[in-house]
Amino acid sequence: MEIERTEREKMTNGEPFFTNDPQLMEDKKNARILCTRFNDSPEDESLRSSILKELLGQCKDKILVKPPFHCDYGYNIFVGEDFFMNFDCVFLDAAPIRIGAHCMIGPKTCIYAIGHPLDAKSRRKKIGIPKPVTIGDNVWIGGGVTILPGVSIGDNTVIAAASVVTGSFPDHVLIAGNPARIIKQIEE
């Protein structure tokens, strides 16, 4: 006999899930409370770091995030050592968002790890489709970038400001545009 999985289990397993599930709504409420505490905190990096450690699935000690920051759940966000994120970023983390070490993210960057069905009937049922986003080490993401669900970005890659990243890219490239494309290889 198959055991019925919770909507959170479906979400974290990468399966379509009901976004208005009561437990997930409670998880979102908790994330909003922590984001508000973080965003309203005084210029105290130690306090902000402790709030981020409570909010995020994983973050190392050397992390600097400029408020405001917003996310759906927080527990699906994993960031490496020496992480910097500028003002006003939004991460929709239904699926894991994994960011490597030594990464910099410009202001007003949005990372979406959730999509929705194309057919209106399924969308009206509030179905979410989680797709993870993975960003390698030493990546620099310019301001105003949008990264869509299911994208992987290789190590040492640079994403130019205002790009819309709809597909995955390898290591050592500069990408730009809407949709983003490779502009050139980056030499070591």
Protein backbone atom coordinates (compact mmCIF):
# COMPACT_ATOMS: atom_id res chain seq x y z
CA MET A 1 0.00 0.00 0.00
CA GLU A 2 1.37 3.40 -1.03
CA ILE A 3 1.69 6.00 1.72
CA GLU A 4 0.22 9.41 0.88
CA ARG A 5 2.96 12.06 0.83
CA THR A 6 2.45 15.54 2.22
CA GLU A 7 2.48 18.52 -0.13
CA ARG A 8 5.82 19.55 1.40
CA GLU A 9 7.25 16.10 0.62
CA LYS A 10 5.95 16.38 -2.95
CA MET A 11 7.47 19.84 -3.27
CA THR A 12 10.88 18.82 -1.95
CA ASN A 13 10.85 15.71 -4.19
CA GLY A 14 10.35 17.87 -7.28
CA GLU A 15 6.77 16.77 -7.90
CA PRO A 16 3.76 19.01 -8.63
CA PHE A 17 2.19 20.14 -5.37
CA PHE A 18 -0.70 22.20 -4.02
CA THR A 19 0.78 25.62 -3.20
CA ASN A 20 -2.01 26.60 -0.79
CA ASP A 21 -1.49 23.58 1.47
CA PRO A 22 -1.98 24.67 5.13
CA GLN A 23 1.45 23.40 6.24
CA LEU A 24 3.19 25.16 3.35
CA MET A 25 1.26 28.35 4.11
CA GLU A 26 2.52 28.10 7.70
CA ASP A 27 6.08 27.58 6.40
CA LYS A 28 5.71 30.70 4.22
CA LYS A 29 4.37 32.66 7.19
CA ASN A 30 7.42 31.67 9.24
CA ALA A 31 9.74 32.73 6.40
CA ARG A 32 7.95 36.09 6.12
CA ILE A 33 8.36 36.65 9.87
CA LEU A 34 12.10 35.90 9.67
CA CYS A 35 12.52 38.04 6.53
CA THR A 36 10.75 40.93 8.28
CA ARG A 37 13.04 40.55 11.32
CA PHE A 38 16.04 40.50 9.00
CA ASN A 39 14.86 43.43 6.87
CA ASP A 40 13.99 45.56 9.92
CA SER A 41 17.19 44.74 11.81
CA PRO A 42 19.64 47.50 12.67
CA GLU A 43 23.06 47.68 11.00
CA ASP A 44 24.24 44.68 13.01
CA GLU A 45 25.81 42.03 10.78
CA SER A 46 26.06 39.53 13.67
CA LEU A 47 22.28 39.76 14.30
CA ARG A 48 21.52 39.57 10.58
CA SER A 49 23.78 36.53 10.20
CA SER A 50 22.02 34.72 13.06
CA ILE A 51 18.60 35.43 11.48
CA LEU A 52 19.84 34.11 8.12
CA LYS A 53 21.15 30.94 9.79
CA GLU A 54 17.66 30.39 11.21
CA LEU A 55 15.93 31.20 7.90
CA LEU A 56 18.11 29.47 5.31
CA GLY A 57 18.70 25.77 4.80
CA GLN A 58 22.44 26.41 4.96
CA CYS A 59 24.76 29.37 5.07
CA LYS A 60 28.37 29.64 6.15
CA ASP A 61 29.82 32.18 8.56
CA LYS A 62 31.16 34.60 5.95
CA ILE A 63 27.90 35.87 4.45
CA LEU A 64 26.68 39.39 3.77
CA VAL A 65 23.12 40.05 2.60
CA LYS A 66 21.80 43.61 2.24
CA PRO A 67 18.13 44.02 3.15
CA PRO A 68 15.49 43.84 1.98
CA PHE A 69 15.48 40.17 1.08
CA HIS A 70 12.38 38.05 0.43
CA CYS A 71 11.84 34.32 -0.04
CA ASP A 72 9.03 31.78 0.08
CA TYR A 73 10.37 29.19 2.53
CA GLY A 74 14.05 29.84 3.22
CA TYR A 75 14.81 26.24 4.13
CA ASN A 76 15.39 25.40 0.45
CA ILE A 77 18.16 28.02 0.06
CA PHE A 78 21.77 26.85 0.47
CA VAL A 79 24.67 29.29 0.11
CA GLY A 80 28.41 28.68 0.27
CA GLU A 81 31.27 30.48 1.97
CA ASP A 82 32.04 34.14 1.25
CA PHE A 83 28.58 34.99 -0.13
CA PHE A 84 27.44 38.54 -0.92
CA MET A 85 23.96 39.61 -2.01
CA ASN A 86 23.00 43.22 -2.60
CA PHE A 87 19.69 44.99 -1.88
CA ASP A 88 16.16 43.89 -2.81
CA CYS A 89 16.55 40.28 -3.99
CA VAL A 90 13.72 37.73 -4.19
CA PHE A 91 14.19 33.93 -4.10
CA LEU A 92 11.15 31.71 -4.70
CA ASP A 93 12.50 28.49 -3.23
CA ALA A 94 9.89 25.76 -3.69
CA ALA A 95 12.76 23.63 -5.02
CA PRO A 96 16.32 23.97 -3.72
CA ILE A 97 18.34 27.01 -4.71
CA ARG A 98 22.01 26.11 -4.28
CA ILE A 99 24.67 28.80 -4.57
CA GLY A 100 28.37 27.96 -4.38
CA ALA A 101 31.26 29.64 -2.59
CA HIS A 102 32.58 33.14 -3.35
CA CYS A 103 29.45 34.30 -5.21
CA MET A 104 28.20 37.86 -5.61
CA ILE A 105 24.62 38.77 -6.49
CA GLY A 106 23.61 42.27 -7.61
CA PRO A 107 20.56 44.21 -6.43
CA LYS A 108 17.03 43.35 -7.54
CA THR A 109 18.00 39.86 -8.67
CA CYS A 110 15.21 37.27 -8.69
CA ILE A 111 15.73 33.51 -8.63
CA TYR A 112 12.65 31.38 -9.26
CA ALA A 113 12.71 27.67 -8.42
CA ILE A 114 9.01 27.20 -9.11
CA GLY A 115 6.83 27.27 -12.20
CA HIS A 116 3.16 26.65 -12.85
CA PRO A 117 1.24 24.57 -15.40
CA LEU A 118 0.52 26.05 -18.80
CA ASP A 119 -3.14 25.01 -18.73
CA ALA A 120 -5.47 27.37 -16.88
CA LYS A 121 -7.46 24.62 -15.16
CA SER A 122 -4.37 23.33 -13.33
CA ARG A 123 -3.25 26.86 -12.45
CA ARG A 124 -6.65 27.56 -10.89
CA LYS A 125 -6.02 24.54 -8.64
CA LYS A 126 -2.89 26.35 -7.37
CA ILE A 127 -0.48 23.70 -8.61
CA GLY A 128 3.24 24.49 -8.35
CA ILE A 129 6.00 22.75 -10.28
CA PRO A 130 9.31 22.91 -8.38
CA LYS A 131 12.56 22.91 -10.38
CA PRO A 132 15.90 23.46 -8.61
CA VAL A 133 18.37 26.21 -9.46
CA THR A 134 22.09 25.56 -9.04
CA ILE A 135 24.77 28.24 -9.21
CA GLY A 136 28.45 27.22 -9.11
CA ASP A 137 31.42 28.74 -7.30
CA ASN A 138 32.85 32.18 -8.06
CA VAL A 139 29.77 33.33 -9.98
CA TRP A 140 29.00 37.04 -10.32
CA ILE A 141 25.36 37.89 -11.05
CA GLY A 142 24.76 41.51 -12.07
CA GLY A 143 21.85 43.65 -10.88
CA GLY A 144 18.32 43.05 -12.05
CA VAL A 145 18.95 39.50 -13.29
CA THR A 146 16.10 36.99 -13.43
CA ILE A 147 16.95 33.28 -13.23
CA LEU A 148 14.13 30.89 -14.15
CA PRO A 149 13.33 27.42 -12.75
CA GLY A 150 15.58 24.47 -13.55
CA VAL A 151 18.67 26.52 -14.48
CA SER A 152 22.26 25.53 -13.66
CA ILE A 153 25.11 28.02 -13.90
CA GLY A 154 28.72 26.79 -14.07
CA ASP A 155 31.69 27.90 -11.97
CA ASN A 156 33.41 31.22 -12.67
CA THR A 157 30.55 32.45 -14.86
CA VAL A 158 29.41 36.09 -15.03
CA ILE A 159 25.80 37.06 -15.76
CA ALA A 160 25.44 40.62 -17.07
CA ALA A 161 22.95 42.99 -15.47
CA ALA A 162 19.29 42.77 -16.53
CA SER A 163 19.72 39.34 -18.15
CA VAL A 164 16.91 36.78 -18.15
CA VAL A 165 18.42 33.32 -17.74
CA THR A 166 16.09 30.70 -19.21
CA GLY A 167 18.59 27.87 -19.74
CA SER A 168 21.73 26.37 -18.21
CA PHE A 169 25.30 27.53 -18.93
CA PRO A 170 28.79 26.02 -18.52
CA ASP A 171 31.85 27.19 -16.55
CA HIS A 172 33.91 30.25 -17.51
CA VAL A 173 31.47 32.21 -19.69
CA LEU A 174 30.01 35.70 -19.78
CA ILE A 175 26.29 35.55 -20.50
CA ALA A 176 23.91 38.42 -21.24
CA GLY A 177 20.57 39.27 -22.78
CA ASN A 178 16.93 38.27 -22.83
CA PRO A 179 17.05 35.38 -23.17
CA ALA A 180 20.63 35.16 -21.95
CA ARG A 181 23.22 33.73 -24.33
CA ILE A 182 26.99 33.26 -24.23
CA ILE A 183 28.81 36.47 -25.13
CA LYS A 184 32.34 35.12 -24.69
CA GLN A 185 34.55 32.62 -22.89
CA ILE A 186 36.30 33.92 -19.79
CA GLU A 187 40.03 33.14 -19.59
CA GLU A 188 41.39 31.66 -16.36
